[in-house]
Amino acid sequence: MKKSNEFVYSGAILTGLASRSGETSRTHRLYRDGHAAETDFKAAVDRDEKKILSAQKAFAYKSGGQLAWLDALRPLTRCFQGFALRETGGDDAVGPVTRWFRTNTFYRKPLVNGKLDVKDGGPADFLPSLPNAVAFLPAPYTFARLVENSYYESEEALANDYAKAVAKSSKKLQEKGYRCLLLSDPYVGYEISKGKRNFPEWIPAAVSKAKTQGIKLGINFPLASAGDIVRLGEDSNADFIGLDATHSSDFKIDTEKDVLLGVVDGGRAIVENQDAIESRVEEFLAGANFSGNYYIGPNDRLFDVPFETALEKIGALSAFRVSQ
């Protein structure tokens, strides 16, 4: 076990899409229904992004919350080749509205009907330019479980080609200032909550295919206990593993990776105080065997809490100071 003076706190990182303010949500509805211009919606998103960025003091990598993304999968149909688009046009063209796990939020379920590959600039075309930024994308396993597939013979092949397309996207991301890519794997935690503990052996290899030079790669496992999932990140080429501190009963883990510790709950409107955050970090440092380098952040996206609450949670992360 490392001594206290061997731990290195590297800052905070957001872990997924953030919610929009009430005004921006209203403007989007008006824009969707033809009662506002696209420039009005973009201006509203810009205002929210500035507030989110302003709240991220002492963050390792910053994000505007990818507020223009209505969900984590819909923009991918424009980033990558291989998706079918229905003739209905607009968002309906992506696929049917589908519940996002057990939440009261939804996503459009795309159909993969061809070989996946990057299109144009990939995700960078739908992200703002930001210095030292982080981008959020679904992890290969979650992607394979959430889309409809009529082309690939196996989930493994689907996940591998998706990860390769993500890797090809990294050059354009770096040109826009992105230095970190965080893959989110909520499907792992969802299946654990239903009693499943055995996962495909190909998961770490698929994650590794998304790794490229110049981009720090993280894999985050929301709603999963650390002991159940750490091997999925440890066996990959990811630089750090996101562990959910709010759903972990203990931190007796062993990994050579850096760790992103999810110490604020992205699904609850209660804002964590500094005592609660410090206590959770100290419990982790006392029980885990890891590289010694760690970040903190939300356990999951801040999409399911009100915008003002998300700002407060970001502020709580910004206020964290390492205990002497």
Protein backbone atom coordinates (compact mmCIF):
# COMPACT_ATOMS: atom_id res chain seq x y z
CA MET A 1 0.00 0.00 0.00
CA LYS A 2 1.27 3.44 -0.88
CA LYS A 3 1.94 6.05 1.77
CA SER A 4 -0.11 9.23 1.89
CA ASN A 5 2.72 11.34 0.46
CA GLU A 6 2.84 9.07 -2.61
CA PHE A 7 -0.70 9.87 -3.76
CA VAL A 8 -1.01 12.46 -6.53
CA TYR A 9 -4.30 14.30 -6.99
CA SER A 10 -4.51 15.37 -10.65
CA GLY A 11 -7.76 17.36 -10.65
CA ALA A 12 -11.41 16.78 -11.50
CA ILE A 13 -13.07 15.58 -14.71
CA LEU A 14 -16.70 15.57 -15.79
CA THR A 15 -17.94 12.17 -16.91
CA GLY A 16 -20.64 12.80 -19.49
CA LEU A 17 -23.28 15.05 -20.99
CA ALA A 18 -24.64 17.78 -18.71
CA SER A 19 -28.20 19.05 -18.49
CA ARG A 20 -29.38 22.29 -20.07
CA SER A 21 -30.86 25.30 -18.35
CA GLY A 22 -34.61 25.78 -18.49
CA GLU A 23 -34.18 28.68 -20.91
CA THR A 24 -32.04 26.62 -23.29
CA SER A 25 -34.50 23.71 -23.15
CA ARG A 26 -37.33 26.10 -23.96
CA THR A 27 -35.38 27.63 -26.85
CA HIS A 28 -34.67 24.17 -28.24
CA ARG A 29 -38.37 23.28 -28.22
CA LEU A 30 -39.14 26.51 -30.08
CA TYR A 31 -36.37 25.80 -32.59
CA ARG A 32 -37.55 22.21 -33.06
CA ASP A 33 -41.10 23.41 -33.73
CA GLY A 34 -40.02 26.13 -36.15
CA HIS A 35 -40.62 29.09 -33.82
CA ALA A 36 -36.97 30.02 -33.21
CA ALA A 37 -33.87 30.20 -35.38
CA GLU A 38 -30.93 27.82 -35.11
CA THR A 39 -28.79 30.80 -34.09
CA ASP A 40 -31.07 31.36 -31.08
CA PHE A 41 -30.54 27.79 -29.94
CA LYS A 42 -26.77 27.95 -30.46
CA ALA A 43 -26.59 31.20 -28.49
CA ALA A 44 -28.49 29.60 -25.60
CA VAL A 45 -26.17 26.59 -25.62
CA ASP A 46 -23.14 28.91 -25.64
CA ARG A 47 -24.45 30.73 -22.55
CA ASP A 48 -24.89 27.48 -20.65
CA GLU A 49 -21.49 26.18 -21.76
CA LYS A 50 -19.77 29.31 -20.46
CA LYS A 51 -21.37 28.81 -17.03
CA ILE A 52 -20.29 25.16 -16.93
CA LEU A 53 -16.74 26.00 -17.99
CA SER A 54 -16.52 28.84 -15.49
CA ALA A 55 -17.43 26.44 -12.66
CA GLN A 56 -14.60 24.02 -13.52
CA LYS A 57 -11.75 25.40 -11.43
CA ALA A 58 -8.83 23.03 -10.74
CA PHE A 59 -10.16 20.59 -13.34
CA ALA A 60 -7.68 18.37 -15.14
CA TYR A 61 -9.63 18.54 -18.41
CA LYS A 62 -12.60 20.77 -19.16
CA SER A 63 -15.88 20.30 -20.99
CA GLY A 64 -18.84 22.46 -21.89
CA GLY A 65 -21.06 19.47 -21.17
CA GLN A 66 -21.67 18.65 -24.86
CA LEU A 67 -24.98 20.47 -24.46
CA ALA A 68 -25.77 20.41 -28.17
CA TRP A 69 -25.96 16.60 -27.95
CA LEU A 70 -29.54 15.53 -27.27
CA ASP A 71 -28.24 12.11 -26.24
CA ALA A 72 -24.99 10.15 -26.40
CA LEU A 73 -25.85 8.13 -29.53
CA ARG A 74 -27.82 10.39 -31.86
CA PRO A 75 -24.84 12.52 -33.01
CA LEU A 76 -22.86 9.37 -33.83
CA THR A 77 -25.13 8.75 -36.80
CA ARG A 78 -23.64 11.90 -38.31
CA CYS A 79 -20.08 11.22 -37.07
CA PHE A 80 -19.71 7.72 -38.49
CA GLN A 81 -20.66 5.82 -41.61
CA GLY A 82 -22.66 2.61 -41.33
CA PHE A 83 -25.94 3.85 -39.88
CA ALA A 84 -29.33 3.61 -41.55
CA LEU A 85 -31.43 6.77 -41.63
CA ARG A 86 -35.19 6.59 -42.03
CA GLU A 87 -36.96 8.71 -44.63
CA THR A 88 -38.89 10.70 -42.03
CA GLY A 89 -36.12 13.31 -41.72
CA GLY A 90 -34.99 15.24 -38.65
CA ASP A 91 -34.38 13.39 -35.39
CA ASP A 92 -36.97 10.78 -36.35
CA ALA A 93 -34.58 9.59 -39.05
CA VAL A 94 -32.14 8.25 -36.45
CA GLY A 95 -34.45 5.66 -34.92
CA PRO A 96 -37.19 5.14 -32.33
CA VAL A 97 -37.27 6.86 -28.96
CA THR A 98 -35.95 4.43 -26.33
CA ARG A 99 -35.66 4.71 -22.56
CA TRP A 100 -32.15 5.33 -21.22
CA PHE A 101 -31.89 2.42 -18.80
CA ARG A 102 -34.22 3.01 -15.81
CA THR A 103 -34.19 6.82 -15.98
CA ASN A 104 -36.89 9.18 -17.20
CA THR A 105 -34.68 10.28 -20.10
CA PHE A 106 -34.57 8.80 -23.58
CA TYR A 107 -32.35 8.39 -26.62
CA ARG A 108 -32.85 7.63 -30.29
CA LYS A 109 -31.88 4.02 -31.01
CA PRO A 110 -29.85 3.93 -34.25
CA LEU A 111 -29.68 1.04 -36.69
CA VAL A 112 -26.25 -0.13 -37.84
CA ASN A 113 -26.68 -1.56 -41.34
CA GLY A 114 -23.15 -1.18 -42.73
CA LYS A 115 -19.48 -1.16 -41.80
CA LEU A 116 -18.73 1.53 -39.23
CA ASP A 117 -16.06 4.07 -40.07
CA VAL A 118 -15.34 7.71 -39.33
CA LYS A 119 -17.08 10.31 -41.47
CA ASP A 120 -15.48 13.69 -42.21
CA GLY A 121 -14.11 15.04 -38.91
CA GLY A 122 -16.02 12.58 -36.77
CA PRO A 123 -17.19 13.72 -33.30
CA ALA A 124 -14.93 16.80 -33.55
CA ASP A 125 -17.41 18.25 -36.08
CA PHE A 126 -20.03 18.37 -33.32
CA LEU A 127 -17.88 19.63 -30.45
CA PRO A 128 -16.66 23.15 -29.70
CA SER A 129 -12.98 24.04 -29.80
CA LEU A 130 -11.64 24.06 -26.23
CA PRO A 131 -8.11 24.03 -24.82
CA ASN A 132 -7.17 20.94 -22.79
CA ALA A 133 -10.64 19.45 -23.12
CA VAL A 134 -12.32 16.07 -22.59
CA ALA A 135 -14.84 14.45 -24.95
CA PHE A 136 -17.39 11.85 -23.90
CA LEU A 137 -18.43 8.89 -26.06
CA PRO A 138 -20.16 5.57 -25.34
CA ALA A 139 -17.76 2.72 -24.62
CA PRO A 140 -17.65 -0.10 -27.21
CA TYR A 141 -19.64 -2.57 -25.10
CA THR A 142 -22.36 -0.06 -24.23
CA PHE A 143 -22.51 1.05 -27.86
CA ALA A 144 -22.94 -2.53 -29.06
CA ARG A 145 -25.73 -3.19 -26.55
CA LEU A 146 -27.67 0.02 -27.18
CA VAL A 147 -27.81 0.13 -30.98
CA GLU A 148 -29.84 -2.10 -33.29
CA ASN A 149 -27.58 -4.16 -35.54
CA SER A 150 -28.43 -5.77 -38.87
CA TYR A 151 -24.92 -5.91 -40.35
CA TYR A 152 -22.38 -7.45 -37.95
CA GLU A 153 -22.45 -11.13 -37.06
CA SER A 154 -21.39 -10.50 -33.46
CA GLU A 155 -21.37 -7.76 -30.84
CA GLU A 156 -17.59 -8.14 -30.66
CA ALA A 157 -17.12 -7.27 -34.34
CA LEU A 158 -19.53 -4.35 -34.00
CA ALA A 159 -17.73 -3.03 -30.90
CA ASN A 160 -14.29 -3.41 -32.49
CA ASP A 161 -15.16 -1.44 -35.63
CA TYR A 162 -16.80 1.26 -33.53
CA ALA A 163 -13.65 1.55 -31.38
CA LYS A 164 -11.47 1.76 -34.50
CA ALA A 165 -13.67 4.57 -35.84
CA VAL A 166 -13.31 6.38 -32.51
CA ALA A 167 -9.52 6.04 -32.74
CA LYS A 168 -9.52 7.48 -36.26
CA SER A 169 -11.40 10.49 -34.88
CA SER A 170 -8.67 11.42 -32.41
CA LYS A 171 -6.57 13.54 -34.79
CA LYS A 172 -9.40 15.99 -35.43
CA LEU A 173 -10.25 16.04 -31.72
CA GLN A 174 -6.66 16.98 -30.90
CA GLU A 175 -6.77 19.77 -33.49
CA LYS A 176 -9.72 21.26 -31.58
CA GLY A 177 -7.90 21.09 -28.23
CA TYR A 178 -9.07 17.74 -26.86
CA ARG A 179 -6.50 15.91 -24.77
CA CYS A 180 -8.72 13.33 -23.09
CA LEU A 181 -11.37 10.90 -24.31
CA LEU A 182 -13.64 9.32 -21.73
CA LEU A 183 -15.59 6.22 -22.77
CA SER A 184 -18.69 5.62 -20.66
CA ASP A 185 -19.82 2.04 -20.02
CA PRO A 186 -23.13 2.26 -18.11
CA TYR A 187 -24.37 -1.03 -19.58
CA VAL A 188 -21.89 -2.90 -17.39
CA GLY A 189 -23.35 -1.39 -14.22
CA TYR A 190 -26.88 -1.94 -15.49
CA GLU A 191 -26.27 -5.65 -16.02
CA ILE A 192 -24.55 -5.98 -12.64
CA SER A 193 -27.67 -4.49 -11.04
CA LYS A 194 -29.63 -7.38 -12.59
CA GLY A 195 -27.22 -9.95 -11.15
CA LYS A 196 -24.86 -10.45 -14.10
CA ARG A 197 -21.15 -10.63 -13.23
CA ASN A 198 -19.64 -12.43 -16.23
CA PHE A 199 -18.83 -10.17 -19.14
CA PRO A 200 -17.44 -10.86 -22.62
CA GLU A 201 -13.68 -11.39 -22.62
CA TRP A 202 -13.35 -9.05 -25.59
CA ILE A 203 -14.34 -5.88 -23.68
CA PRO A 204 -10.77 -4.80 -22.72
CA ALA A 205 -9.46 -5.44 -26.24
CA ALA A 206 -12.27 -3.38 -27.77
CA VAL A 207 -11.52 -0.48 -25.40
CA SER A 208 -7.84 -0.73 -26.35
CA LYS A 209 -8.68 -0.24 -30.02
CA ALA A 210 -9.90 3.29 -29.21
CA LYS A 211 -6.49 4.28 -27.80
CA THR A 212 -4.23 6.54 -29.89
CA GLN A 213 -1.21 8.72 -29.19
CA GLY A 214 -1.80 12.23 -27.93
CA ILE A 215 -5.13 11.47 -26.23
CA LYS A 216 -5.42 10.22 -22.67
CA LEU A 217 -8.04 7.47 -22.64
CA GLY A 218 -10.36 6.72 -19.74
CA ILE A 219 -13.06 4.10 -19.30
CA ASN A 220 -15.81 4.91 -16.78
CA PHE A 221 -18.20 2.40 -15.18
CA PRO A 222 -21.23 4.20 -13.68
CA LEU A 223 -23.46 2.42 -11.16
CA ALA A 224 -21.03 -0.47 -10.67
CA SER A 225 -19.10 -1.57 -7.61
CA ALA A 226 -15.34 -1.14 -8.04
CA GLY A 227 -14.48 -4.73 -7.26
CA ASP A 228 -16.78 -6.04 -9.98
CA ILE A 229 -15.35 -4.07 -12.87
CA VAL A 230 -11.76 -2.99 -12.27
CA ARG A 231 -10.38 -5.93 -14.29
CA LEU A 232 -12.28 -4.73 -17.37
CA GLY A 233 -10.23 -1.53 -17.32
CA GLU A 234 -7.01 -3.02 -15.98
CA ASP A 235 -6.71 -5.42 -18.93
CA SER A 236 -7.19 -2.63 -21.49
CA ASN A 237 -4.91 0.12 -22.80
CA ALA A 238 -6.95 2.79 -21.03
CA ASP A 239 -4.85 5.27 -19.05
CA PHE A 240 -7.34 5.49 -16.19
CA ILE A 241 -10.42 3.70 -14.85
CA GLY A 242 -13.54 5.48 -13.63
CA LEU A 243 -14.84 3.89 -10.41
CA ASP A 244 -18.24 4.73 -8.93
CA ALA A 245 -17.57 5.67 -5.31
CA THR A 246 -21.30 6.01 -4.58
CA HIS A 247 -22.05 2.40 -5.58
CA SER A 248 -18.90 0.73 -4.24
CA SER A 249 -19.12 -1.04 -0.89
CA ASP A 250 -15.33 -1.23 -0.56
CA PHE A 251 -12.20 -0.30 -2.46
CA LYS A 252 -10.06 -3.40 -2.03
CA ILE A 253 -8.94 -3.29 -5.63
CA ASP A 254 -5.61 -3.84 -7.32
CA THR A 255 -4.70 -2.01 -10.52
CA GLU A 256 -1.68 -0.36 -12.06
CA LYS A 257 -3.91 2.25 -13.69
CA ASP A 258 -4.70 5.79 -12.64
CA VAL A 259 -8.20 6.16 -11.20
CA LEU A 260 -11.09 8.57 -11.69
CA LEU A 261 -13.17 8.40 -8.51
CA GLY A 262 -16.87 9.23 -8.90
CA VAL A 263 -17.55 11.02 -5.62
CA VAL A 264 -20.67 13.03 -6.54
CA ASP A 265 -23.85 11.32 -7.71
CA GLY A 266 -24.97 12.40 -11.17
CA GLY A 267 -28.45 11.00 -10.61
CA ARG A 268 -29.36 12.72 -7.32
CA ALA A 269 -30.27 16.37 -6.85
CA ILE A 270 -28.61 16.54 -3.41
CA VAL A 271 -25.29 18.40 -3.62
CA GLU A 272 -22.48 16.66 -1.78
CA ASN A 273 -20.60 18.69 0.85
CA GLN A 274 -16.83 18.76 1.21
CA ASP A 275 -16.82 16.47 4.24
CA ALA A 276 -18.64 13.76 2.28
CA ILE A 277 -16.29 14.10 -0.71
CA GLU A 278 -13.14 14.07 1.44
CA SER A 279 -14.37 11.09 3.44
CA ARG A 280 -15.02 9.06 0.29
CA VAL A 281 -11.62 9.93 -1.17
CA GLU A 282 -9.86 9.01 2.08
CA GLU A 283 -11.72 5.68 2.22
CA PHE A 284 -10.58 4.92 -1.32
CA LEU A 285 -6.95 5.86 -0.67
CA ALA A 286 -6.89 3.70 2.46
CA GLY A 287 -8.24 0.59 0.72
CA ALA A 288 -7.07 0.60 -2.88
CA ASN A 289 -3.81 -0.47 -4.44
CA PHE A 290 -3.35 1.57 -7.63
CA SER A 291 -0.85 3.78 -9.47
CA GLY A 292 -1.22 6.56 -6.90
CA ASN A 293 -2.48 9.11 -9.44
CA TYR A 294 -6.17 9.93 -9.16
CA TYR A 295 -8.89 12.29 -10.34
CA ILE A 296 -12.34 12.93 -8.92
CA GLY A 297 -15.59 13.60 -10.73
CA PRO A 298 -19.26 12.67 -10.91
CA ASN A 299 -20.00 8.95 -10.91
CA ASP A 300 -22.05 9.44 -14.09
CA ARG A 301 -23.24 12.17 -16.45
CA LEU A 302 -24.90 15.26 -14.93
CA PHE A 303 -27.73 14.98 -17.45
CA ASP A 304 -30.35 13.77 -14.96
CA VAL A 305 -30.19 16.66 -12.49
CA PRO A 306 -31.33 20.27 -13.02
CA PHE A 307 -28.82 22.62 -14.62
CA GLU A 308 -28.38 24.70 -11.46
CA THR A 309 -27.75 21.53 -9.43
CA ALA A 310 -25.18 20.38 -11.98
CA LEU A 311 -23.35 23.69 -11.55
CA GLU A 312 -23.34 23.24 -7.76
CA LYS A 313 -21.96 19.72 -8.06
CA ILE A 314 -19.23 20.96 -10.39
CA GLY A 315 -18.48 23.66 -7.83
CA ALA A 316 -18.21 21.05 -5.08
CA LEU A 317 -15.65 19.15 -7.18
CA SER A 318 -13.74 22.38 -7.82
CA ALA A 319 -13.57 23.11 -4.09
CA PHE A 320 -11.95 19.77 -3.20
CA ARG A 321 -8.57 20.12 -1.59
CA VAL A 322 -6.21 17.30 -0.68
CA SER A 323 -6.06 16.77 3.07
CA GLN A 324 -2.63 17.45 4.53
